[in-house]
């Protein structure tokens, strides 16, 4: 079995892909990306911090435990 990932930017194109998959007898699984508006404020802050490099860097799990306590 093979997997193909296709990024679709419109509902019309998605209908075409679904029709093609059906014609081919292929199984189609749709996975939609979350929009920023679907995340809660804590998650949005964590994403912003990560993009800005405001992260805790650890060399291993024991180092992580020391830093988060």
PDB file of N, CA and C in Angstrom:
ATOM      1  N   UNK A   1       0.843  -1.174   0.000  1.00  0.00           N
ATOM      2  CA  UNK A   1       0.000   0.000   0.000  1.00  0.00           C
ATOM      3  C   UNK A   1       0.891   1.241   0.000  1.00  0.00           C
ATOM      4  N   UNK A   2       0.478   2.253  -0.742  1.00  0.00           N
ATOM      5  CA  UNK A   2       1.212   3.507  -0.828  1.00  0.00           C
ATOM      6  C   UNK A   2       0.362   4.648  -0.292  1.00  0.00           C
ATOM      7  N   UNK A   3       1.020   5.702   0.151  1.00  0.00           N
ATOM      8  CA  UNK A   3       0.338   6.890   0.650  1.00  0.00           C
ATOM      9  C   UNK A   3       0.783   8.088  -0.164  1.00  0.00           C
ATOM     10  N   UNK A   4      -0.172   8.921  -0.541  1.00  0.00           N
ATOM     11  CA  UNK A   4       0.108  10.154  -1.267  1.00  0.00           C
ATOM     12  C   UNK A   4      -0.443  11.302  -0.450  1.00  0.00           C
ATOM     13  N   UNK A   5       0.338  12.346  -0.250  1.00  0.00           N
ATOM     14  CA  UNK A   5      -0.120  13.540   0.443  1.00  0.00           C
ATOM     15  C   UNK A   5      -0.300  14.642  -0.580  1.00  0.00           C
ATOM     16  N   UNK A   6      -1.496  15.228  -0.605  1.00  0.00           N
ATOM     17  CA  UNK A   6      -1.809  16.296  -1.550  1.00  0.00           C
ATOM     18  C   UNK A   6      -2.358  17.476  -0.775  1.00  0.00           C
ATOM     19  N   UNK A   7      -1.798  18.653  -1.008  1.00  0.00           N
ATOM     20  CA  UNK A   7      -2.310  19.860  -0.379  1.00  0.00           C
ATOM     21  C   UNK A   7      -3.299  20.514  -1.331  1.00  0.00           C
ATOM     22  N   UNK A   8      -4.514  20.723  -0.862  1.00  0.00           N
ATOM     23  CA  UNK A   8      -5.595  21.272  -1.675  1.00  0.00           C
ATOM     24  C   UNK A   8      -5.970  22.644  -1.122  1.00  0.00           C
ATOM     25  N   UNK A   9      -6.137  23.613  -2.038  1.00  0.00           N
ATOM     26  CA  UNK A   9      -6.437  24.974  -1.583  1.00  0.00           C
ATOM     27  C   UNK A   9      -7.860  25.430  -1.868  1.00  0.00           C
ATOM     28  N   UNK A  10      -8.711  24.520  -2.358  1.00  0.00           N
ATOM     29  CA  UNK A  10     -10.098  24.926  -2.598  1.00  0.00           C
ATOM     30  C   UNK A  10     -11.017  23.718  -2.519  1.00  0.00           C
ATOM     31  N   UNK A  11     -12.276  23.944  -2.113  1.00  0.00           N
ATOM     32  CA  UNK A  11     -13.237  22.840  -2.035  1.00  0.00           C
ATOM     33  C   UNK A  11     -13.509  22.196  -3.395  1.00  0.00           C
ATOM     34  N   UNK A  12     -13.472  22.988  -4.476  1.00  0.00           N
ATOM     35  CA  UNK A  12     -13.722  22.445  -5.806  1.00  0.00           C
ATOM     36  C   UNK A  12     -12.656  21.424  -6.193  1.00  0.00           C
ATOM     37  N   UNK A  13     -11.403  21.757  -5.912  1.00  0.00           N
ATOM     38  CA  UNK A  13     -10.314  20.833  -6.223  1.00  0.00           C
ATOM     39  C   UNK A  13     -10.417  19.572  -5.364  1.00  0.00           C
ATOM     40  N   UNK A  14     -10.871  19.739  -4.122  1.00  0.00           N
ATOM     41  CA  UNK A  14     -11.022  18.579  -3.242  1.00  0.00           C
ATOM     42  C   UNK A  14     -12.076  17.630  -3.793  1.00  0.00           C
ATOM     43  N   UNK A  15     -13.159  18.171  -4.349  1.00  0.00           N
ATOM     44  CA  UNK A  15     -14.193  17.328  -4.955  1.00  0.00           C
ATOM     45  C   UNK A  15     -13.621  16.512  -6.110  1.00  0.00           C
ATOM     46  N   UNK A  16     -12.762  17.144  -6.913  1.00  0.00           N
ATOM     47  CA  UNK A  16     -12.131  16.436  -8.031  1.00  0.00           C
ATOM     48  C   UNK A  16     -11.243  15.294  -7.545  1.00  0.00           C
ATOM     49  N   UNK A  17     -10.459  15.570  -6.514  1.00  0.00           N
ATOM     50  CA  UNK A  17      -9.567  14.540  -5.958  1.00  0.00           C
ATOM     51  C   UNK A  17     -10.384  13.382  -5.403  1.00  0.00           C
ATOM     52  N   UNK A  18     -11.467  13.693  -4.691  1.00  0.00           N
ATOM     53  CA  UNK A  18     -12.315  12.636  -4.140  1.00  0.00           C
ATOM     54  C   UNK A  18     -12.925  11.794  -5.254  1.00  0.00           C
ATOM     55  N   UNK A  19     -13.386  12.442  -6.323  1.00  0.00           N
ATOM     56  CA  UNK A  19     -13.975  11.724  -7.452  1.00  0.00           C
ATOM     57  C   UNK A  19     -12.941  10.818  -8.119  1.00  0.00           C
ATOM     58  N   UNK A  20     -11.732  11.319  -8.290  1.00  0.00           N
ATOM     59  CA  UNK A  20     -10.664  10.523  -8.883  1.00  0.00           C
ATOM     60  C   UNK A  20     -10.338   9.314  -8.009  1.00  0.00           C
ATOM     61  N   UNK A  21     -10.230   9.529  -6.719  1.00  0.00           N
ATOM     62  CA  UNK A  21      -9.927   8.426  -5.804  1.00  0.00           C
ATOM     63  C   UNK A  21     -11.035   7.366  -5.868  1.00  0.00           C
ATOM     64  N   UNK A  22     -12.278   7.815  -5.889  1.00  0.00           N
ATOM     65  CA  UNK A  22     -13.405   6.884  -5.979  1.00  0.00           C
ATOM     66  C   UNK A  22     -13.342   6.084  -7.277  1.00  0.00           C
ATOM     67  N   UNK A  23     -13.061   6.762  -8.385  1.00  0.00           N
ATOM     68  CA  UNK A  23     -12.959   6.101  -9.691  1.00  0.00           C
ATOM     69  C   UNK A  23     -11.854   5.041  -9.690  1.00  0.00           C
ATOM     70  N   UNK A  24     -10.776   5.336  -8.992  1.00  0.00           N
ATOM     71  CA  UNK A  24      -9.637   4.417  -8.930  1.00  0.00           C
ATOM     72  C   UNK A  24      -9.846   3.311  -7.903  1.00  0.00           C
ATOM     73  N   UNK A  25     -10.883   3.441  -7.081  1.00  0.00           N
ATOM     74  CA  UNK A  25     -11.106   2.456  -6.021  1.00  0.00           C
ATOM     75  C   UNK A  25     -10.151   2.637  -4.863  1.00  0.00           C
ATOM     76  N   UNK A  26      -9.617   3.846  -4.727  1.00  0.00           N
ATOM     77  CA  UNK A  26      -8.657   4.130  -3.669  1.00  0.00           C
ATOM     78  C   UNK A  26      -9.375   4.634  -2.424  1.00  0.00           C
ATOM     79  N   UNK A  27      -8.776   4.399  -1.283  1.00  0.00           N
ATOM     80  CA  UNK A  27      -9.287   4.906  -0.022  1.00  0.00           C
ATOM     81  C   UNK A  27      -8.750   6.328   0.157  1.00  0.00           C
ATOM     82  N   UNK A  28      -9.611   7.249   0.563  1.00  0.00           N
ATOM     83  CA  UNK A  28      -9.168   8.620   0.777  1.00  0.00           C
ATOM     84  C   UNK A  28      -9.444   9.010   2.221  1.00  0.00           C
ATOM     85  N   UNK A  29      -8.454   9.594   2.850  1.00  0.00           N
ATOM     86  CA  UNK A  29      -8.571  10.098   4.207  1.00  0.00           C
ATOM     87  C   UNK A  29      -8.251  11.577   4.166  1.00  0.00           C
ATOM     88  N   UNK A  30      -9.166  12.398   4.662  1.00  0.00           N
ATOM     89  CA  UNK A  30      -8.975  13.842   4.643  1.00  0.00           C
ATOM     90  C   UNK A  30      -8.473  14.285   6.008  1.00  0.00           C
ATOM     91  N   UNK A  31      -7.372  15.022   6.002  1.00  0.00           N
ATOM     92  CA  UNK A  31      -6.815  15.570   7.236  1.00  0.00           C
ATOM     93  C   UNK A  31      -6.704  17.074   7.053  1.00  0.00           C
ATOM     94  N   UNK A  32      -7.463  17.799   7.835  1.00  0.00           N
ATOM     95  CA  UNK A  32      -7.495  19.250   7.717  1.00  0.00           C
ATOM     96  C   UNK A  32      -6.564  19.860   8.769  1.00  0.00           C
ATOM     97  N   UNK A  33      -5.799  20.856   8.340  1.00  0.00           N
ATOM     98  CA  UNK A  33      -4.936  21.558   9.284  1.00  0.00           C
ATOM     99  C   UNK A  33      -5.773  22.505  10.118  1.00  0.00           C
ATOM    100  N   UNK A  34      -5.384  22.655  11.374  1.00  0.00           N
ATOM    101  CA  UNK A  34      -6.086  23.604  12.229  1.00  0.00           C
ATOM    102  C   UNK A  34      -5.668  25.021  11.879  1.00  0.00           C
ATOM    103  N   UNK A  35      -6.638  25.895  11.909  1.00  0.00           N
ATOM    104  CA  UNK A  35      -6.348  27.315  11.727  1.00  0.00           C
ATOM    105  C   UNK A  35      -5.984  27.893  13.082  1.00  0.00           C
ATOM    106  N   UNK A  36      -5.229  28.980  13.093  1.00  0.00           N
ATOM    107  CA  UNK A  36      -4.805  29.610  14.350  1.00  0.00           C
ATOM    108  C   UNK A  36      -6.002  29.932  15.233  1.00  0.00           C
ATOM    109  N   UNK A  37      -7.133  30.284  14.647  1.00  0.00           N
ATOM    110  CA  UNK A  37      -8.309  30.639  15.438  1.00  0.00           C
ATOM    111  C   UNK A  37      -8.898  29.447  16.181  1.00  0.00           C
ATOM    112  N   UNK A  38      -8.472  28.219  15.839  1.00  0.00           N
ATOM    113  CA  UNK A  38      -8.992  27.029  16.492  1.00  0.00           C
ATOM    114  C   UNK A  38      -8.167  26.608  17.710  1.00  0.00           C
ATOM    115  N   UNK A  39      -7.043  27.255  17.942  1.00  0.00           N
ATOM    116  CA  UNK A  39      -6.213  26.939  19.092  1.00  0.00           C
ATOM    117  C   UNK A  39      -6.596  27.816  20.276  1.00  0.00           C
ATOM    118  N   UNK A  40      -6.431  27.280  21.476  1.00  0.00           N
ATOM    119  CA  UNK A  40      -6.708  28.115  22.641  1.00  0.00           C
ATOM    120  C   UNK A  40      -5.540  29.070  22.887  1.00  0.00           C
ATOM    121  N   UNK A  41      -5.736  30.034  23.775  1.00  0.00           N
ATOM    122  CA  UNK A  41      -4.737  31.086  23.978  1.00  0.00           C
ATOM    123  C   UNK A  41      -3.403  30.539  24.493  1.00  0.00           C
ATOM    124  N   UNK A  42      -3.446  29.500  25.309  1.00  0.00           N
ATOM    125  CA  UNK A  42      -2.207  28.915  25.840  1.00  0.00           C
ATOM    126  C   UNK A  42      -1.382  28.284  24.722  1.00  0.00           C
ATOM    127  N   UNK A  43      -2.047  27.598  23.820  1.00  0.00           N
ATOM    128  CA  UNK A  43      -1.350  26.980  22.686  1.00  0.00           C
ATOM    129  C   UNK A  43      -0.794  28.036  21.747  1.00  0.00           C
ATOM    130  N   UNK A  44      -1.570  29.094  21.479  1.00  0.00           N
ATOM    131  CA  UNK A  44      -1.088  30.180  20.630  1.00  0.00           C
ATOM    132  C   UNK A  44       0.156  30.832  21.223  1.00  0.00           C
ATOM    133  N   UNK A  45       0.178  31.027  22.554  1.00  0.00           N
ATOM    134  CA  UNK A  45       1.353  31.613  23.214  1.00  0.00           C
ATOM    135  C   UNK A  45       2.560  30.677  23.080  1.00  0.00           C
ATOM    136  N   UNK A  46       2.340  29.376  23.234  1.00  0.00           N
ATOM    137  CA  UNK A  46       3.434  28.408  23.113  1.00  0.00           C
ATOM    138  C   UNK A  46       4.003  28.401  21.691  1.00  0.00           C
ATOM    139  N   UNK A  47       3.145  28.494  20.693  1.00  0.00           N
ATOM    140  CA  UNK A  47       3.604  28.551  19.302  1.00  0.00           C
ATOM    141  C   UNK A  47       4.421  29.811  19.073  1.00  0.00           C
ATOM    142  N   UNK A  48       3.929  30.955  19.576  1.00  0.00           N
ATOM    143  CA  UNK A  48       4.638  32.224  19.425  1.00  0.00           C
ATOM    144  C   UNK A  48       6.009  32.162  20.107  1.00  0.00           C
ATOM    145  N   UNK A  49       6.041  31.647  21.339  1.00  0.00           N
ATOM    146  CA  UNK A  49       7.305  31.532  22.069  1.00  0.00           C
ATOM    147  C   UNK A  49       8.301  30.652  21.322  1.00  0.00           C
ATOM    148  N   UNK A  50       7.836  29.542  20.780  1.00  0.00           N
ATOM    149  CA  UNK A  50       8.729  28.635  20.057  1.00  0.00           C
ATOM    150  C   UNK A  50       9.297  29.310  18.815  1.00  0.00           C
ATOM    151  N   UNK A  51       8.450  30.038  18.094  1.00  0.00           N
ATOM    152  CA  UNK A  51       8.928  30.736  16.892  1.00  0.00           C
ATOM    153  C   UNK A  51       9.936  31.818  17.233  1.00  0.00           C
ATOM    154  N   UNK A  52       9.799  32.425  18.415  1.00  0.00           N
ATOM    155  CA  UNK A  52      10.711  33.482  18.842  1.00  0.00           C
ATOM    156  C   UNK A  52      11.942  32.935  19.560  1.00  0.00           C
ATOM    157  N   UNK A  53      12.036  31.617  19.671  1.00  0.00           N
ATOM    158  CA  UNK A  53      13.192  31.006  20.311  1.00  0.00           C
ATOM    159  C   UNK A  53      13.142  31.017  21.825  1.00  0.00           C
ATOM    160  N   UNK A  54      11.996  31.322  22.400  1.00  0.00           N
ATOM    161  CA  UNK A  54      11.837  31.348  23.851  1.00  0.00           C
ATOM    162  C   UNK A  54      11.495  29.943  24.339  1.00  0.00           C
ATOM    163  N   UNK A  55      12.493  29.086  24.304  1.00  0.00           N
ATOM    164  CA  UNK A  55      12.299  27.692  24.692  1.00  0.00           C
ATOM    165  C   UNK A  55      13.338  27.294  25.731  1.00  0.00           C
ATOM    166  N   UNK A  56      13.093  26.194  26.387  1.00  0.00           N
ATOM    167  CA  UNK A  56      14.051  25.642  27.333  1.00  0.00           C
ATOM    168  C   UNK A  56      14.816  24.541  26.625  1.00  0.00           C
ATOM    169  N   UNK A  57      16.112  24.688  26.540  1.00  0.00           N
ATOM    170  CA  UNK A  57      16.930  23.696  25.849  1.00  0.00           C
ATOM    171  C   UNK A  57      17.539  22.745  26.877  1.00  0.00           C
ATOM    172  N   UNK A  58      17.410  21.463  26.625  1.00  0.00           N
ATOM    173  CA  UNK A  58      17.873  20.441  27.551  1.00  0.00           C
ATOM    174  C   UNK A  58      18.753  19.443  26.808  1.00  0.00           C
ATOM    175  N   UNK A  59      19.739  18.934  27.496  1.00  0.00           N
ATOM    176  CA  UNK A  59      20.638  17.963  26.876  1.00  0.00           C
ATOM    177  C   UNK A  59      20.101  16.545  26.982  1.00  0.00           C
ATOM    178  N   UNK A  60      19.260  16.274  27.980  1.00  0.00           N
ATOM    179  CA  UNK A  60      18.654  14.956  28.140  1.00  0.00           C
ATOM    180  C   UNK A  60      17.459  15.074  29.091  1.00  0.00           C
ATOM    181  N   UNK A  61      16.797  13.972  29.358  1.00  0.00           N
ATOM    182  CA  UNK A  61      15.583  14.011  30.162  1.00  0.00           C
ATOM    183  C   UNK A  61      15.867  14.446  31.597  1.00  0.00           C
ATOM    184  N   UNK A  62      16.968  14.002  32.153  1.00  0.00           N
ATOM    185  CA  UNK A  62      17.313  14.400  33.520  1.00  0.00           C
ATOM    186  C   UNK A  62      17.537  15.918  33.603  1.00  0.00           C
ATOM    187  N   UNK A  63      18.182  16.481  32.598  1.00  0.00           N
ATOM    188  CA  UNK A  63      18.383  17.920  32.522  1.00  0.00           C
ATOM    189  C   UNK A  63      17.032  18.635  32.445  1.00  0.00           C
ATOM    190  N   UNK A  64      16.108  18.090  31.677  1.00  0.00           N
ATOM    191  CA  UNK A  64      14.763  18.653  31.583  1.00  0.00           C
ATOM    192  C   UNK A  64      14.094  18.666  32.951  1.00  0.00           C
ATOM    193  N   UNK A  65      14.164  17.539  33.658  1.00  0.00           N
ATOM    194  CA  UNK A  65      13.522  17.480  34.975  1.00  0.00           C
ATOM    195  C   UNK A  65      14.080  18.508  35.938  1.00  0.00           C
ATOM    196  N   UNK A  66      15.385  18.750  35.885  1.00  0.00           N
ATOM    197  CA  UNK A  66      15.995  19.771  36.742  1.00  0.00           C
ATOM    198  C   UNK A  66      15.477  21.169  36.405  1.00  0.00           C
ATOM    199  N   UNK A  67      15.308  21.445  35.126  1.00  0.00           N
ATOM    200  CA  UNK A  67      14.919  22.785  34.697  1.00  0.00           C
ATOM    201  C   UNK A  67      13.448  23.094  34.920  1.00  0.00           C
ATOM    202  N   UNK A  68      12.587  22.096  34.915  1.00  0.00           N
ATOM    203  CA  UNK A  68      11.160  22.358  35.056  1.00  0.00           C
ATOM    204  C   UNK A  68      10.663  22.284  36.497  1.00  0.00           C
ATOM    205  N   UNK A  69      11.508  21.881  37.418  1.00  0.00           N
ATOM    206  CA  UNK A  69      11.087  21.802  38.829  1.00  0.00           C
ATOM    207  C   UNK A  69      11.267  23.104  39.541  1.00  0.00           C
TER     208      UNK A  69
END
